[in-house]
Protein backbone atom coordinates (compact mmCIF):
# COMPACT_ATOMS: atom_id res chain seq x y z
CA MET A 1 0.12 -26.56 17.76
CA ILE A 2 0.58 -22.83 18.15
CA TYR A 3 -1.13 -20.61 15.58
CA HIS A 4 -0.58 -16.95 14.85
CA THR A 5 -3.34 -14.54 13.86
CA ILE A 6 -2.72 -12.70 10.60
CA VAL A 7 -4.78 -9.56 9.89
CA ILE A 8 -5.23 -8.12 6.40
CA GLU A 9 -5.35 -4.37 6.96
CA GLU A 10 -7.39 -3.47 3.88
CA THR A 11 -10.33 -5.71 4.84
CA GLY A 12 -9.91 -6.31 8.57
CA GLU A 13 -10.14 -10.05 7.88
CA SER A 14 -7.95 -12.41 9.82
CA PHE A 15 -6.80 -15.98 9.47
CA ARG A 16 -4.76 -18.41 11.53
CA CYS A 17 -1.37 -19.50 10.32
CA ALA A 18 0.93 -22.07 11.89
CA PRO A 19 4.62 -21.18 12.16
CA THR A 20 5.31 -24.16 9.88
CA GLU A 21 3.23 -22.83 6.97
CA THR A 22 3.55 -19.87 4.66
CA LEU A 23 1.34 -16.80 4.79
CA LEU A 24 0.08 -17.71 1.31
CA ALA A 25 -1.11 -21.13 2.50
CA GLY A 26 -2.99 -19.51 5.36
CA MET A 27 -4.43 -16.83 3.10
CA GLU A 28 -5.81 -19.45 0.74
CA ARG A 29 -8.03 -20.75 3.56
CA LEU A 30 -9.98 -17.47 3.43
CA GLY A 31 -11.78 -19.14 0.54
CA LYS A 32 -11.65 -16.17 -1.80
CA LYS A 33 -11.85 -17.03 -5.46
CA GLY A 34 -9.04 -15.99 -7.71
CA ILE A 35 -6.20 -15.55 -5.23
CA PRO A 36 -3.24 -15.83 -7.56
CA VAL A 37 -0.74 -18.31 -6.25
CA GLY A 38 1.78 -18.48 -9.08
CA CYS A 39 4.87 -20.58 -8.56
CA ARG A 40 4.84 -20.85 -4.72
CA GLY A 41 8.62 -20.65 -4.80
CA GLY A 42 9.43 -16.94 -4.71
CA GLY A 43 10.02 -16.59 -8.42
CA CYS A 44 6.88 -14.96 -9.87
CA GLY A 45 6.00 -12.11 -7.50
CA VAL A 46 2.19 -12.40 -7.55
CA CYS A 47 1.84 -12.85 -3.78
CA LYS A 48 3.65 -9.69 -2.65
CA VAL A 49 2.64 -8.29 0.73
CA GLU A 50 3.93 -5.67 3.13
CA ILE A 51 4.27 -6.75 6.75
CA THR A 52 3.25 -3.78 8.90
CA ALA A 53 3.51 -5.41 12.34
CA GLY A 54 4.90 -8.63 13.79
CA SER A 55 7.84 -10.90 13.11
CA TYR A 56 8.46 -13.58 10.53
CA ALA A 57 11.01 -15.93 9.02
CA LYS A 58 11.70 -15.63 5.30
CA ARG A 59 13.31 -17.67 2.57
CA VAL A 60 15.06 -16.55 -0.60
CA MET A 61 12.92 -14.49 -3.01
CA SER A 62 13.63 -13.43 -6.60
CA ARG A 63 15.26 -9.98 -6.79
CA ASP A 64 13.18 -9.46 -9.95
CA TYR A 65 10.17 -9.01 -7.61
CA VAL A 66 11.61 -8.17 -4.18
CA SER A 67 14.46 -5.67 -4.21
CA VAL A 68 16.86 -5.14 -1.32
CA ASP A 69 14.90 -1.95 -0.53
CA ASP A 70 11.58 -3.87 -0.64
CA GLU A 71 12.91 -6.49 1.75
CA ALA A 72 14.26 -3.82 4.11
CA ALA A 73 10.77 -2.23 4.11
CA ASP A 74 9.12 -5.60 4.92
CA ARG A 75 7.68 -6.00 1.39
CA VAL A 76 8.01 -9.74 0.81
CA LEU A 77 6.37 -12.67 -0.97
CA ALA A 78 3.70 -14.46 1.06
CA CYS A 79 4.82 -17.82 -0.36
CA ARG A 80 8.27 -17.38 1.21
CA VAL A 81 7.31 -16.07 4.66
CA LYS A 82 6.29 -17.97 7.80
CA PRO A 83 4.99 -16.10 10.88
CA THR A 84 6.88 -16.16 14.15
CA SER A 85 4.27 -13.94 15.87
CA ASP A 86 0.87 -12.45 15.11
CA LEU A 87 1.14 -10.26 11.99
CA ARG A 88 -0.57 -7.40 10.21
CA LEU A 89 -0.09 -7.07 6.48
CA LYS A 90 -1.10 -5.10 3.41
CA VAL A 91 -1.68 -6.91 0.14
CA LEU A 92 0.25 -5.47 -2.82
CA GLY A 93 0.16 -5.79 -6.59
CA LYS A 94 -1.78 -8.42 -8.48
CA MET A 95 -3.12 -10.18 -5.42
CA ALA A 96 -4.85 -7.09 -3.96
CA LYS A 97 -7.70 -7.17 -6.50
CA ASN A 98 -8.97 -10.55 -5.31
CA VAL A 99 -7.94 -10.60 -1.67
CA CYS A 100 -9.40 -7.16 -0.95
CA ARG A 101 -12.61 -7.67 -2.94
CA PRO A 102 -15.68 -7.54 -0.66
CA GLN A 103 -17.45 -10.87 -0.25
CA PRO A 104 -21.08 -10.96 -1.46
CA ALA A 105 -23.59 -10.88 1.35
CA ILE A 106 -25.30 -14.21 2.02
CA ALA A 107 -29.07 -13.84 1.73
CA ALA A 108 -30.98 -14.65 4.89
CA ALA A 109 -33.26 -17.66 4.71
CA ALA A 110 -36.87 -16.62 4.30
């Protein structure tokens, strides 16, 4: 299977995402606690991101959370977007607090 590399600009972290899965599903594999996932159907708006580079396929999203202007500016919901190339994104809104939080350093074994 082909995988695309997704880079989160705020942290420099990256994850692999298959073209058959949503960005949110791939992001969850980062293992960060507290990533809000909400409804997973485009109706709650908690997984809003801005795609800054790359291409993607998208499904219908609630206009309550993604306006026509947002969509035109590549601000979309991660639960409704599947990559068609490598992507770069910025995390917006409620999800930024947990996705962009630095991970605690793991203590070296003595």
